[in-house]
Protein backbone atom coordinates (compact mmCIF):
# COMPACT_ATOMS: atom_id res chain seq x y z
CA MET A 1 34.16 7.33 9.81
CA SER A 2 36.22 6.05 12.78
CA ASP A 3 37.89 2.63 12.91
CA ASP A 4 35.21 1.54 15.63
CA ALA A 5 32.31 2.79 13.38
CA ALA A 6 33.74 1.24 10.30
CA ALA A 7 34.15 -2.09 12.27
CA ALA A 8 30.39 -1.85 13.52
CA ALA A 9 29.29 -1.20 10.10
CA ARG A 10 31.08 -4.28 8.69
CA ALA A 11 29.52 -6.27 11.49
CA GLN A 12 26.08 -5.11 10.67
CA HIS A 13 26.65 -5.97 7.03
CA ARG A 14 27.81 -9.24 7.75
CA ARG A 15 24.83 -9.81 10.16
CA ALA A 16 22.43 -8.81 7.22
CA LEU A 17 24.01 -10.97 4.61
CA TYR A 18 23.79 -14.04 6.88
CA ILE A 19 20.01 -13.25 7.62
CA LEU A 20 19.44 -12.91 3.90
CA ILE A 21 21.24 -16.27 3.01
CA ALA A 22 19.15 -17.83 5.57
CA LEU A 23 15.97 -16.46 4.16
CA SER A 24 17.13 -17.40 0.66
CA VAL A 25 17.76 -21.00 1.52
CA LEU A 26 14.48 -21.50 3.56
CA SER A 27 12.21 -19.79 0.77
CA HIS A 28 14.06 -21.45 -2.35
CA ALA A 29 14.10 -24.87 -0.64
CA ALA A 30 10.36 -24.62 -0.29
CA LEU A 31 9.90 -23.58 -3.75
CA VAL A 32 11.91 -26.47 -5.20
CA GLY A 33 10.54 -28.88 -2.83
CA CYS A 34 7.07 -27.81 -3.89
CA ARG A 35 8.04 -28.37 -7.59
CA ILE A 36 8.98 -31.91 -6.71
CA ALA A 37 5.73 -32.51 -4.60
CA VAL A 38 3.37 -30.96 -7.15
CA THR A 39 4.90 -32.85 -9.91
CA LEU A 40 4.83 -36.24 -8.46
CA GLY A 41 1.49 -35.65 -6.98
CA GLY A 42 0.02 -34.68 -10.18
CA ILE A 43 1.21 -38.12 -11.55
CA ASP A 44 -0.24 -39.80 -8.53
CA LEU A 45 -3.50 -38.15 -9.18
CA GLY A 46 -3.48 -39.24 -12.73
CA ALA A 47 -2.90 -35.89 -14.41
CA SER A 48 -2.19 -36.08 -18.20
CA PRO A 49 1.43 -35.12 -19.63
CA PHE A 50 0.07 -31.91 -20.94
CA SER A 51 -1.44 -31.15 -17.53
CA LEU A 52 1.88 -31.88 -15.77
CA GLY A 53 3.55 -29.47 -18.31
CA LEU A 54 1.08 -26.67 -17.46
CA LEU A 55 1.56 -27.26 -13.80
CA MET A 56 5.29 -26.57 -14.18
CA ALA A 57 4.71 -23.56 -16.36
CA PHE A 58 2.48 -22.18 -13.98
CA PHE A 59 5.17 -21.66 -11.30
CA GLY A 60 6.60 -19.05 -13.71
CA LEU A 61 3.26 -17.50 -14.99
CA LEU A 62 2.83 -14.72 -12.56
CA PRO A 63 6.54 -13.93 -11.96
CA MET A 64 6.84 -13.59 -15.73
CA VAL A 65 4.07 -10.97 -15.61
CA LEU A 66 4.58 -9.20 -12.23
CA SER A 67 8.38 -9.15 -11.52
CA VAL A 68 9.06 -5.68 -12.94
CA PRO A 69 5.98 -4.21 -10.86
CA ALA A 70 7.11 -6.14 -7.99
CA GLY A 71 10.69 -4.64 -8.45
CA ARG A 72 9.28 -1.13 -8.80
CA LEU A 73 7.22 -1.65 -5.49
CA VAL A 74 10.53 -2.63 -3.76
CA ASP A 75 12.14 0.36 -5.01
CA ARG A 76 9.47 2.40 -3.62
CA ILE A 77 8.59 0.96 -0.24
CA GLY A 78 11.54 -1.24 0.72
CA THR A 79 12.18 -4.88 0.77
CA ARG A 80 10.86 -5.86 4.22
CA ARG A 81 7.07 -5.86 3.56
CA PRO A 82 6.99 -7.52 0.13
CA MET A 83 9.21 -10.28 1.61
CA PHE A 84 6.72 -10.87 4.60
CA TRP A 85 3.82 -10.96 1.93
CA GLY A 86 5.61 -13.39 -0.20
CA LEU A 87 6.40 -15.64 2.67
CA GLY A 88 2.96 -15.53 3.77
CA ILE A 89 1.80 -16.56 0.26
CA LEU A 90 4.11 -19.40 0.33
CA VAL A 91 2.49 -20.71 3.70
CA GLY A 92 -1.03 -20.30 2.28
CA SER A 93 -0.22 -21.93 -1.07
CA MET A 94 1.07 -25.10 0.74
CA LEU A 95 -2.03 -25.24 2.90
CA VAL A 96 -4.17 -25.83 -0.18
CA PRO A 97 -3.39 -29.64 -0.65
CA LEU A 98 -4.10 -30.21 3.00
CA LEU A 99 -7.54 -28.89 2.31
CA SER A 100 -8.17 -30.21 -1.08
CA TRP A 101 -6.09 -32.97 -2.77
CA GLU A 102 -6.99 -32.84 -6.54
CA VAL A 103 -5.44 -31.57 -9.85
CA GLY A 104 -7.16 -28.45 -9.70
CA SER A 105 -5.79 -27.75 -6.37
CA LEU A 106 -2.22 -28.39 -7.46
CA PHE A 107 -2.59 -25.73 -10.14
CA LEU A 108 -3.38 -23.08 -7.42
CA VAL A 109 -0.36 -24.48 -5.40
CA SER A 110 1.97 -23.81 -8.29
CA THR A 111 0.75 -20.55 -9.24
CA ALA A 112 0.52 -19.07 -5.73
CA THR A 113 3.94 -20.51 -4.80
CA GLY A 114 5.75 -19.07 -7.84
CA PHE A 115 4.22 -15.77 -7.06
CA GLY A 116 4.97 -15.86 -3.49
CA TYR A 117 8.59 -16.81 -4.08
CA MET A 118 9.03 -13.80 -6.63
CA CYS A 119 8.03 -11.48 -3.83
CA VAL A 120 10.71 -12.79 -1.67
CA ASN A 121 13.35 -13.24 -4.39
CA VAL A 122 13.05 -9.62 -5.69
CA GLY A 123 13.79 -8.31 -2.13
CA ILE A 124 16.65 -10.88 -1.57
CA GLN A 125 18.29 -9.77 -4.82
CA LYS A 126 17.69 -6.17 -4.27
CA LEU A 127 19.34 -6.36 -0.81
CA GLY A 128 22.08 -8.64 -2.17
CA GLY A 129 23.26 -5.99 -4.53
CA GLU A 130 23.35 -3.33 -1.85
CA ILE A 131 24.50 -4.58 1.46
CA GLY A 132 27.89 -3.48 2.31
CA GLY A 133 28.17 -1.23 -0.90
CA ALA A 134 29.33 -1.79 -4.46
CA GLU A 135 32.55 -3.39 -3.53
CA ALA A 136 30.60 -6.13 -1.63
CA ARG A 137 28.37 -7.16 -4.35
CA THR A 138 30.26 -10.05 -6.08
CA LEU A 139 30.92 -11.63 -2.76
CA ASN A 140 27.18 -11.14 -1.73
CA PHE A 141 25.85 -12.86 -4.89
CA GLY A 142 28.51 -15.45 -4.59
CA LEU A 143 27.60 -16.55 -1.19
CA LEU A 144 23.60 -16.22 -2.14
CA SER A 145 24.40 -18.49 -5.15
CA VAL A 146 25.97 -21.07 -2.81
CA GLY A 147 22.89 -20.92 -0.69
CA PHE A 148 20.65 -21.56 -3.85
CA SER A 149 22.77 -24.54 -4.72
CA ILE A 150 22.29 -25.81 -1.18
CA SER A 151 18.61 -25.33 -1.29
CA ALA A 152 18.29 -26.76 -4.78
CA PHE A 153 19.71 -30.09 -3.24
CA LEU A 154 17.76 -30.10 0.06
CA GLY A 155 14.41 -29.13 -1.34
CA PRO A 156 14.11 -32.18 -3.64
CA LEU A 157 15.74 -34.34 -1.18
CA ILE A 158 13.26 -33.51 1.80
CA ALA A 159 10.19 -33.78 -0.45
CA GLY A 160 11.33 -36.98 -1.94
CA VAL A 161 11.91 -38.78 1.31
CA LEU A 162 8.90 -37.50 3.00
CA ILE A 163 6.67 -38.38 0.09
CA ASP A 164 7.85 -42.00 0.48
CA LEU A 165 7.49 -41.88 4.22
CA VAL A 166 4.32 -39.98 4.93
CA GLY A 167 2.53 -39.25 1.65
CA TYR A 168 1.90 -36.10 -0.50
CA ARG A 169 -0.44 -34.04 1.83
CA ILE A 170 1.73 -34.23 4.85
CA THR A 171 4.56 -33.32 2.69
CA PHE A 172 3.04 -30.16 1.86
CA GLY A 173 2.31 -29.55 5.32
CA VAL A 174 6.11 -30.08 6.38
CA LEU A 175 7.21 -28.10 3.56
CA LEU A 176 5.21 -24.91 4.66
CA LEU A 177 7.41 -25.01 7.91
CA LEU A 178 10.28 -23.54 5.74
CA PRO A 179 8.58 -20.11 5.03
CA VAL A 180 7.17 -20.16 8.38
CA ALA A 181 10.72 -20.41 9.81
CA ALA A 182 11.59 -17.64 7.47
CA ILE A 183 8.94 -15.38 8.83
CA VAL A 184 9.90 -16.14 12.45
CA TRP A 185 13.72 -15.30 11.54
CA LEU A 186 12.73 -12.26 9.65
CA ARG A 187 10.54 -10.91 12.69
CA ARG A 188 13.02 -11.78 15.17
CA ILE A 189 16.09 -9.94 13.59
CA ARG A 190 14.74 -6.54 12.74
CA PHE A 191 17.66 -5.17 10.53
CA ASP A 192 17.47 -1.61 9.52
CA GLU A 193 17.66 -0.92 5.92
CA ARG A 194 18.82 2.64 6.31
CA LEU A 195 22.21 1.13 7.91
CA ILE A 196 22.75 -1.72 5.64
CA LEU A 197 21.79 -0.13 2.25
CA PRO A 198 23.72 2.97 0.97
CA GLY A 199 21.16 5.73 0.17
CA ALA A 200 18.19 3.65 1.34
CA ASN A 201 16.58 6.97 2.68
CA GLY A 202 16.25 8.00 -0.85
CA ARG A 203 13.96 5.38 -2.23
CA ALA A 204 11.97 6.57 -5.39
CA GLU A 205 8.60 7.82 -4.39
CA GLY A 206 7.40 7.34 -7.89
CA ASN A 207 8.59 5.72 -11.03
CA ALA A 208 6.73 6.65 -14.24
CA GLN A 209 9.62 5.61 -16.50
CA SER A 210 8.97 2.63 -18.84
CA VAL A 211 11.01 -0.58 -18.17
CA LEU A 212 12.19 -0.28 -21.81
CA ASP A 213 14.34 2.58 -20.59
CA LEU A 214 16.54 0.37 -18.84
CA LEU A 215 17.48 -1.21 -22.35
CA ARG A 216 18.61 2.31 -23.68
CA ASP A 217 22.06 1.59 -22.27
CA PRO A 218 23.83 -0.82 -24.80
CA LYS A 219 25.68 -2.73 -22.00
CA MET A 220 22.31 -3.08 -20.45
CA ARG A 221 20.84 -4.77 -23.66
CA GLN A 222 23.87 -6.90 -23.93
CA LEU A 223 23.52 -8.11 -20.34
CA TYR A 224 19.83 -8.86 -20.75
CA VAL A 225 20.42 -10.78 -23.84
CA SER A 226 22.96 -12.95 -21.83
CA VAL A 227 20.50 -13.49 -19.13
CA GLY A 228 17.82 -14.89 -21.77
CA LEU A 229 20.44 -17.01 -23.35
CA ILE A 230 21.98 -18.45 -20.25
CA SER A 231 18.63 -19.16 -18.79
CA ALA A 232 17.74 -20.97 -21.96
CA ALA A 233 20.81 -23.10 -21.82
CA TRP A 234 20.11 -23.97 -18.22
CA ASP A 235 16.70 -25.06 -19.05
CA VAL A 236 17.98 -27.16 -22.20
CA HIS A 237 20.21 -29.15 -20.06
CA GLN A 238 17.47 -29.73 -17.16
CA PHE A 239 15.04 -30.59 -19.92
CA VAL A 240 16.75 -32.17 -22.92
CA VAL A 241 19.59 -34.28 -21.12
CA PRO A 242 17.03 -36.66 -19.73
CA ILE A 243 15.41 -37.07 -23.04
CA TYR A 244 18.57 -37.63 -24.86
CA GLY A 245 19.66 -40.08 -22.00
CA LYS A 246 16.64 -42.16 -22.54
CA SER A 247 17.07 -42.20 -26.32
CA ILE A 248 20.50 -43.74 -26.02
CA GLY A 249 19.37 -46.31 -23.15
CA LEU A 250 20.69 -44.70 -20.01
CA SER A 251 18.73 -45.55 -16.86
CA ALA A 252 16.77 -43.09 -14.67
CA SER A 253 19.49 -43.39 -11.83
CA VAL A 254 22.25 -42.68 -14.51
CA ILE A 255 20.35 -39.68 -15.78
CA GLY A 256 19.96 -38.34 -12.23
CA LEU A 257 23.72 -38.77 -12.03
CA LEU A 258 24.38 -36.79 -15.00
CA LEU A 259 21.99 -34.05 -13.51
CA ALA A 260 23.75 -34.41 -10.11
CA SER A 261 27.12 -33.77 -11.77
CA TYR A 262 25.79 -30.66 -13.14
CA SER A 263 24.49 -29.48 -9.89
CA ALA A 264 27.84 -30.27 -8.07
CA ALA A 265 29.77 -28.15 -10.48
CA THR A 266 27.48 -25.17 -10.04
CA PHE A 267 28.11 -25.53 -6.29
CA VAL A 268 32.00 -25.88 -6.75
CA ILE A 269 32.36 -22.84 -9.08
CA ARG A 270 30.18 -20.51 -6.96
CA MET A 271 32.36 -21.28 -3.87
CA ALA A 272 35.24 -19.92 -5.98
CA VAL A 273 33.45 -16.92 -7.23
CA PRO A 274 35.17 -14.43 -4.65
CA LEU A 275 38.63 -15.57 -5.63
CA ILE A 276 37.87 -15.62 -9.37
CA SER A 277 36.10 -12.28 -9.60
CA ARG A 278 39.25 -10.76 -7.91
CA ARG A 279 41.26 -11.88 -10.90
CA VAL A 280 38.92 -11.76 -13.87
CA PRO A 281 36.56 -8.87 -14.78
CA GLU A 282 32.77 -9.35 -15.23
CA TRP A 283 32.37 -9.02 -18.89
CA PRO A 284 35.17 -11.64 -19.83
CA LEU A 285 33.45 -14.05 -17.34
CA ILE A 286 30.11 -13.80 -18.97
CA ILE A 287 31.71 -14.05 -22.33
CA GLY A 288 33.59 -17.26 -21.17
CA THR A 289 30.11 -18.67 -20.02
CA HIS A 290 28.72 -18.54 -23.67
CA ILE A 291 31.84 -19.91 -24.99
CA VAL A 292 31.74 -22.88 -22.58
CA GLY A 293 27.99 -23.49 -23.49
CA PHE A 294 28.85 -23.38 -27.16
CA VAL A 295 31.54 -26.12 -26.88
CA VAL A 296 29.53 -28.35 -24.56
CA TYR A 297 26.24 -28.09 -26.66
CA SER A 298 28.01 -28.76 -29.74
CA LEU A 299 29.81 -31.94 -28.44
CA TYR A 300 26.74 -33.45 -26.54
CA PRO A 301 24.97 -35.29 -29.58
CA PHE A 302 28.30 -36.95 -30.39
CA THR A 303 28.62 -38.57 -27.05
CA ALA A 304 27.17 -41.76 -25.71
CA SER A 305 29.82 -42.65 -23.17
CA LEU A 306 28.73 -41.92 -19.62
CA PRO A 307 32.10 -41.01 -18.39
CA LEU A 308 32.38 -38.17 -21.40
CA MET A 309 28.79 -37.09 -20.68
CA MET A 310 29.27 -36.60 -16.87
CA ALA A 311 32.55 -34.66 -17.88
CA LEU A 312 30.38 -32.42 -20.30
CA SER A 313 27.70 -32.05 -17.63
CA PHE A 314 30.10 -30.98 -15.08
CA THR A 315 32.08 -28.43 -17.38
CA LEU A 316 28.68 -26.94 -18.41
CA GLY A 317 27.79 -26.72 -14.71
CA LEU A 318 31.10 -24.75 -14.17
CA GLY A 319 30.40 -22.52 -17.06
CA LEU A 320 26.70 -21.68 -16.47
CA GLY A 321 26.96 -21.70 -12.51
CA ILE A 322 29.26 -18.76 -12.48
CA SER A 323 27.03 -16.57 -14.54
CA GLN A 324 24.25 -15.68 -11.89
CA PRO A 325 26.26 -14.07 -9.06
CA ILE A 326 28.39 -12.31 -11.84
CA VAL A 327 25.38 -11.20 -13.61
CA LEU A 328 23.53 -9.99 -10.84
CA ALA A 329 26.52 -7.97 -9.40
CA LEU A 330 26.99 -6.29 -12.85
CA LEU A 331 23.41 -5.65 -13.13
CA HIS A 332 23.31 -3.72 -9.94
CA ARG A 333 26.47 -1.60 -10.97
CA LEU A 334 24.93 -0.79 -14.44
CA ALA A 335 21.28 -0.06 -13.33
CA PRO A 336 20.28 3.36 -11.93
CA PRO A 337 20.40 2.85 -7.97
CA GLU A 338 16.59 3.99 -7.87
CA ARG A 339 15.78 1.53 -10.16
CA ALA A 340 17.63 -1.69 -9.14
CA GLY A 341 14.65 -3.62 -7.99
CA GLU A 342 13.09 -2.92 -11.21
CA ALA A 343 16.08 -4.03 -13.29
CA VAL A 344 16.10 -7.40 -11.02
CA GLY A 345 12.58 -7.69 -11.88
CA LEU A 346 13.15 -7.47 -15.61
CA ARG A 347 15.81 -10.09 -15.37
CA MET A 348 13.26 -12.49 -13.53
CA VAL A 349 10.68 -11.82 -16.33
CA LEU A 350 13.22 -13.22 -18.86
CA VAL A 351 14.30 -16.10 -16.62
CA ASN A 352 10.66 -17.17 -15.80
CA GLY A 353 9.51 -16.44 -19.36
CA THR A 354 12.23 -19.17 -20.54
CA GLN A 355 10.91 -21.65 -17.90
CA THR A 356 7.38 -20.96 -18.74
CA PHE A 357 7.63 -21.39 -22.56
CA LEU A 358 10.64 -23.32 -23.62
CA PRO A 359 9.50 -26.68 -22.34
CA GLY A 360 6.76 -26.71 -24.81
CA VAL A 361 8.89 -25.39 -27.57
CA PHE A 362 11.79 -27.71 -26.78
CA GLY A 363 9.25 -30.49 -27.04
CA ALA A 364 7.79 -29.59 -30.27
CA VAL A 365 11.06 -29.01 -32.01
CA GLY A 366 12.68 -32.01 -30.64
CA GLY A 367 9.70 -34.16 -31.73
CA ALA A 368 9.96 -32.73 -35.35
CA PHE A 369 13.78 -32.82 -35.85
CA GLY A 370 15.46 -34.80 -33.15
CA VAL A 371 16.97 -34.11 -29.91
CA ALA A 372 20.32 -33.25 -31.42
CA THR A 373 18.77 -30.34 -33.10
CA LEU A 374 17.98 -28.69 -29.72
CA PHE A 375 21.65 -29.04 -28.57
CA TRP A 376 23.00 -27.61 -31.86
CA GLY A 377 20.55 -24.85 -31.97
CA MET A 378 21.70 -23.81 -28.42
CA ALA A 379 25.19 -24.08 -29.24
CA LEU A 380 24.58 -21.70 -32.18
CA LEU A 381 22.93 -19.09 -30.14
CA LEU A 382 25.49 -19.19 -27.53
CA GLY A 383 28.45 -19.06 -29.99
CA GLY A 384 26.66 -16.38 -32.15
CA SER A 385 25.94 -14.30 -29.05
CA VAL A 386 29.55 -13.86 -28.16
CA PHE A 387 30.36 -11.40 -30.91
CA TYR A 388 27.28 -9.10 -29.81
CA ILE A 389 27.80 -9.33 -25.99
CA GLY A 390 31.68 -8.89 -26.42
CA ARG A 391 31.07 -5.85 -28.56
CA GLY A 392 32.78 -2.79 -26.79
CA VAL A 393 32.63 -4.38 -23.37
CA VAL A 394 35.98 -6.41 -23.16
CA ARG A 395 38.44 -3.72 -24.31
CA PRO A 396 37.81 0.00 -23.63
CA PRO A 397 37.46 2.19 -26.27
CA ALA A 398 40.71 3.89 -27.66
């Protein structure tokens, strides 16, 4: 390839990555904003705590079941059409509260929004692993993760301000403009997957293999174990820290500050991913994430001082925040190229499974044995998993 052709290819890759980041921020901001609006809207409509829990669980219900088939579809037909379909579903789901404002409608919103975002996200993660080839993966996912951190901040902020200013129904009307903008952006800029995806012309025409075949590789099994545990550790922090904070007398604003310090840390560490990944291999970083989680969760129940709790929350954000871009880059390297979408789908099944089932399990265990049990149980799982995940991957065999 000539120098001019190589420069043109790099420019095409950068352009595609910027498109992908914009689509990611718009669609994810719509999702997280919708979560806030659905939760607060359910409270406003008088939904019971059990119904509110179901509303949150329904965001992950269809992705938990359909992420693997969606990944296979992306492997077979490419990313463009599924992403359009997902964005269209997001728009349709947020039209529902404008037409019918009741708790039953919110269940439809949460279910359809989770499904629509899944369609978009499978395509984003597939493209993120292949734009620019293997050498660009960690940088791609690092930048995409920064985008996720930004949208995770903007979505709730937009929804919260709008709810106070114009009410719930108009808030949903404004939120649907985010996927509409993503559709317009995707239609205006028609990138050619064949140019930005190595081997895109060789998409799988059929895939009769079982998803369990992906787990025959010991390293893939170790990676998916890490995915499940890190997702659980993330959910424990978001769900249990507010409960623990209330139990020791912290105000809602202080608890929000704790959660904000965690989010700030994920943003900081993801900005540093390109620099860190050039110096430290993926597996030691993943193992380090588990060790950080083990230490922080072991200490949390002994801490009642706000500065110390903020330090622990920030440290945990640094540890867990680096996992997503590193795991995704490693997943694309280990998975067969023609099954990358399916491998991403299986990861999303694990993540959405924890988001669907763990809140109820956490509530039951915490109610029976105390909140400290949840912290220590998570610490035990993360610490114990280090020996399994680290086996044969840190040092090459002799």
